[in-house]
């Protein structure tokens, strides 16, 4: 079952600000979320019902999974110092 990956406006802005070297590492992971929304190494965020994070070096992809609608909503793509504020 394939999921649709959707970006919030904030995530689109975060994505446009990434350096190309980081973007090269982030892009394949985002594309893989279409097939596997809970890949190996994903962590569920404590205190949030449906938020998950993927660690990519010092950056984090924060996202939600809506199994009923087959959507993965990417909320943020930020450096770890800004990810949990």
Protein backbone atom coordinates (compact mmCIF):
# COMPACT_ATOMS: atom_id res chain seq x y z
CA UNK A 1 0.00 0.00 0.00
CA UNK A 2 1.47 3.33 -1.04
CA UNK A 3 1.26 6.51 1.01
CA UNK A 4 1.13 10.05 -0.35
CA UNK A 5 3.80 12.35 1.05
CA UNK A 6 2.49 15.85 1.76
CA UNK A 7 4.52 18.84 2.97
CA UNK A 8 3.27 21.60 5.24
CA UNK A 9 4.20 25.16 4.25
CA UNK A 10 6.78 25.19 7.03
CA UNK A 11 8.34 21.97 5.77
CA UNK A 12 8.51 23.33 2.22
CA UNK A 13 10.32 26.40 3.53
CA UNK A 14 12.68 24.19 5.59
CA UNK A 15 13.39 22.06 2.52
CA UNK A 16 14.23 25.07 0.36
CA UNK A 17 16.75 26.30 2.97
CA UNK A 18 18.73 23.05 3.19
CA UNK A 19 22.25 22.88 1.83
CA UNK A 20 22.64 20.67 -1.22
CA UNK A 21 24.79 18.13 0.66
CA UNK A 22 22.05 17.66 3.26
CA UNK A 23 19.35 17.65 0.59
CA UNK A 24 21.11 14.73 -1.14
CA UNK A 25 20.71 12.71 2.08
CA UNK A 26 17.14 13.85 2.90
CA UNK A 27 15.51 13.35 -0.51
CA UNK A 28 15.82 9.54 -0.76
CA UNK A 29 14.51 9.12 2.77
CA UNK A 30 11.45 11.26 2.03
CA UNK A 31 10.79 9.26 -1.15
CA UNK A 32 11.07 5.99 0.80
CA UNK A 33 8.29 7.14 3.16
CA UNK A 34 5.81 6.53 0.33
CA UNK A 35 6.37 2.78 0.64
CA UNK A 36 7.47 2.46 4.27
CA UNK A 37 6.15 5.23 6.56
CA UNK A 38 7.73 3.57 9.61
CA UNK A 39 11.25 2.63 8.43
CA UNK A 40 13.90 1.12 10.63
CA UNK A 41 15.32 3.75 13.00
CA UNK A 42 12.18 5.89 13.15
CA UNK A 43 11.19 7.09 16.64
CA UNK A 44 7.75 8.04 17.89
CA UNK A 45 7.86 11.41 19.63
CA UNK A 46 6.84 11.27 23.27
CA UNK A 47 3.85 13.39 24.19
CA UNK A 48 2.46 13.41 20.64
CA UNK A 49 -0.10 10.95 19.38
CA UNK A 50 1.03 10.48 15.79
CA UNK A 51 4.34 12.34 15.34
CA UNK A 52 7.50 10.52 14.33
CA UNK A 53 11.05 11.59 13.63
CA UNK A 54 13.85 10.32 11.44
CA UNK A 55 17.42 11.25 12.28
CA UNK A 56 19.73 12.22 9.42
CA UNK A 57 23.01 13.26 11.00
CA UNK A 58 22.29 16.50 12.86
CA UNK A 59 18.98 17.05 11.04
CA UNK A 60 15.54 15.66 11.81
CA UNK A 61 12.47 14.98 9.68
CA UNK A 62 9.38 15.40 11.86
CA UNK A 63 6.21 13.93 10.38
CA UNK A 64 2.76 12.48 11.02
CA UNK A 65 1.24 9.32 9.63
CA UNK A 66 -2.45 9.15 8.79
CA UNK A 67 -3.10 5.47 8.12
CA UNK A 68 -6.79 6.00 7.37
CA UNK A 69 -6.07 8.38 4.49
CA UNK A 70 -2.68 6.85 3.52
CA UNK A 71 -0.90 10.17 4.02
CA UNK A 72 2.49 11.05 5.46
CA UNK A 73 2.51 14.74 6.41
CA UNK A 74 6.01 16.18 6.76
CA UNK A 75 5.89 18.97 9.34
CA UNK A 76 9.53 20.04 9.74
CA UNK A 77 13.00 19.32 8.35
CA UNK A 78 15.37 21.07 10.72
CA UNK A 79 18.63 20.92 12.61
CA UNK A 80 18.33 19.00 15.87
CA UNK A 81 18.80 22.15 18.00
CA UNK A 82 15.53 23.53 16.53
CA UNK A 83 13.56 20.32 16.09
CA UNK A 84 11.89 19.98 19.48
CA UNK A 85 10.92 23.56 20.28
